[in-house]
Amino acid sequence: MIKDSPNLPGQQDFDTSTLHEVAYRAINHYLNSGKPIPEPDEGLFTVRANLGTETLLVNAARDLASICDIANPMAFEVDGSQRNVELGICRMLEGVQLLLDKALNVAHSTA
């Protein structure tokens, strides 16, 4: 009987830490060319320091409106206690939206 493939050599123990280091450097080179790698405690997202209060409030209000648009339909697709949880989240989002709108009005009137 003829085999389709030759006998494979035995498993070798590779030091994967070197492979991970090389792969990380290659990915970093192509994706972050010259940019410093953020420290893990910095988080994934940052806010530019030179943004004004009104810009921050407007973006926060738009984000909350988007979350409300996502959460509201979901509240009516479930029943029972899960629906109560969804409606509670929607109401909390609406309350925060009202607070942000009020803060935005105050910031706009003082500008």
Protein backbone atom coordinates (compact mmCIF):
# COMPACT_ATOMS: atom_id res chain seq x y z
CA MET A 1 0.00 0.00 0.00
CA ILE A 2 1.35 3.43 -0.96
CA LYS A 3 0.88 6.32 1.47
CA ASP A 4 -0.26 9.73 0.24
CA SER A 5 2.12 11.55 2.56
CA PRO A 6 5.40 10.64 4.19
CA ASN A 7 5.73 9.98 7.89
CA LEU A 8 5.66 13.26 9.76
CA PRO A 9 8.55 14.02 12.09
CA GLY A 10 7.87 13.85 15.83
CA GLN A 11 6.43 16.87 17.65
CA GLN A 12 9.07 19.39 18.58
CA ASP A 13 8.82 21.63 21.61
CA PHE A 14 8.85 25.23 20.41
CA ASP A 15 9.33 28.25 22.62
CA THR A 16 6.18 30.17 21.64
CA SER A 17 7.18 33.28 23.57
CA THR A 18 9.69 34.15 20.84
CA LEU A 19 7.04 33.65 18.15
CA HIS A 20 4.60 35.87 20.05
CA GLU A 21 7.23 38.57 20.48
CA VAL A 22 8.13 38.54 16.78
CA ALA A 23 4.46 38.57 15.73
CA TYR A 24 3.70 41.46 18.10
CA ARG A 25 6.64 43.49 16.76
CA ALA A 26 5.53 42.85 13.16
CA ILE A 27 1.93 43.84 13.87
CA ASN A 28 3.07 46.90 15.80
CA HIS A 29 5.39 47.93 12.96
CA TYR A 30 2.65 47.88 10.33
CA LEU A 31 -0.25 49.19 12.42
CA ASN A 32 1.46 51.70 14.72
CA SER A 33 4.41 52.86 12.64
CA GLY A 34 6.27 55.09 15.08
CA LYS A 35 3.40 55.57 17.50
CA PRO A 36 4.07 54.64 21.13
CA ILE A 37 2.25 51.58 22.41
CA PRO A 38 -0.31 52.65 25.05
CA GLU A 39 0.13 51.24 28.51
CA PRO A 40 -2.61 48.82 29.59
CA ASP A 41 -3.80 51.14 32.37
CA GLU A 42 -4.51 53.92 29.85
CA GLY A 43 -7.57 52.09 28.52
CA LEU A 44 -8.75 51.61 24.99
CA PHE A 45 -10.34 55.01 24.43
CA THR A 46 -9.09 58.47 25.31
CA VAL A 47 -10.55 61.97 25.12
CA ARG A 48 -8.49 64.76 23.61
CA ALA A 49 -7.51 67.35 26.19
CA ASN A 50 -8.36 70.37 23.99
CA LEU A 51 -12.09 69.60 23.57
CA GLY A 52 -14.52 72.11 25.02
CA THR A 53 -17.28 71.31 27.47
CA GLU A 54 -20.02 71.87 24.90
CA THR A 55 -18.37 69.48 22.43
CA LEU A 56 -18.11 66.82 25.13
CA LEU A 57 -21.73 67.28 26.17
CA VAL A 58 -23.02 67.15 22.60
CA ASN A 59 -21.14 63.93 21.89
CA ALA A 60 -22.30 62.37 25.16
CA ALA A 61 -25.91 63.33 24.37
CA ARG A 62 -25.68 61.82 20.88
CA ASP A 63 -24.18 58.62 22.27
CA LEU A 64 -26.98 58.34 24.82
CA ALA A 65 -29.59 58.92 22.13
CA SER A 66 -28.04 56.11 20.09
CA ILE A 67 -28.07 53.77 23.09
CA CYS A 68 -31.73 54.63 23.72
CA ASP A 69 -32.56 53.84 20.09
CA ILE A 70 -30.91 50.44 20.54
CA ALA A 71 -32.41 49.64 23.96
CA ASN A 72 -36.03 50.73 23.43
CA PRO A 73 -36.96 48.17 20.75
CA MET A 74 -35.30 45.40 22.74
CA ALA A 75 -37.54 46.13 25.74
CA PHE A 76 -40.59 45.14 23.71
CA GLU A 77 -39.09 41.93 22.34
CA VAL A 78 -38.84 40.19 25.73
CA ASP A 79 -41.36 39.34 28.45
CA GLY A 80 -41.44 39.04 32.19
CA SER A 81 -38.67 40.22 34.47
CA GLN A 82 -36.26 40.64 31.55
CA ARG A 83 -38.62 43.24 30.08
CA ASN A 84 -38.64 45.09 33.42
CA VAL A 85 -34.84 45.17 33.34
CA GLU A 86 -34.83 46.50 29.77
CA LEU A 87 -37.41 49.17 30.58
CA GLY A 88 -35.43 50.17 33.67
CA ILE A 89 -32.31 50.62 31.54
CA CYS A 90 -34.31 52.70 29.04
CA ARG A 91 -35.66 54.95 31.78
CA MET A 92 -32.24 55.44 33.34
CA LEU A 93 -30.84 56.35 29.92
CA GLU A 94 -33.65 58.86 29.40
CA GLY A 95 -32.92 60.42 32.80
CA VAL A 96 -29.24 60.78 31.99
CA GLN A 97 -30.21 62.21 28.58
CA LEU A 98 -32.33 64.87 30.32
CA LEU A 99 -29.44 65.75 32.65
CA LEU A 100 -27.06 66.07 29.72
CA ASP A 101 -29.53 68.20 27.75
CA LYS A 102 -29.90 70.53 30.75
CA ALA A 103 -26.10 70.77 31.16
CA LEU A 104 -25.76 71.45 27.43
CA ASN A 105 -28.35 74.25 27.64
CA VAL A 106 -26.52 75.80 30.59
CA ALA A 107 -23.15 75.55 28.81
CA HIS A 108 -24.61 77.03 25.62
CA SER A 109 -26.32 79.94 27.43
CA THR A 110 -23.09 80.90 29.27
CA ALA A 111 -20.95 80.75 26.14
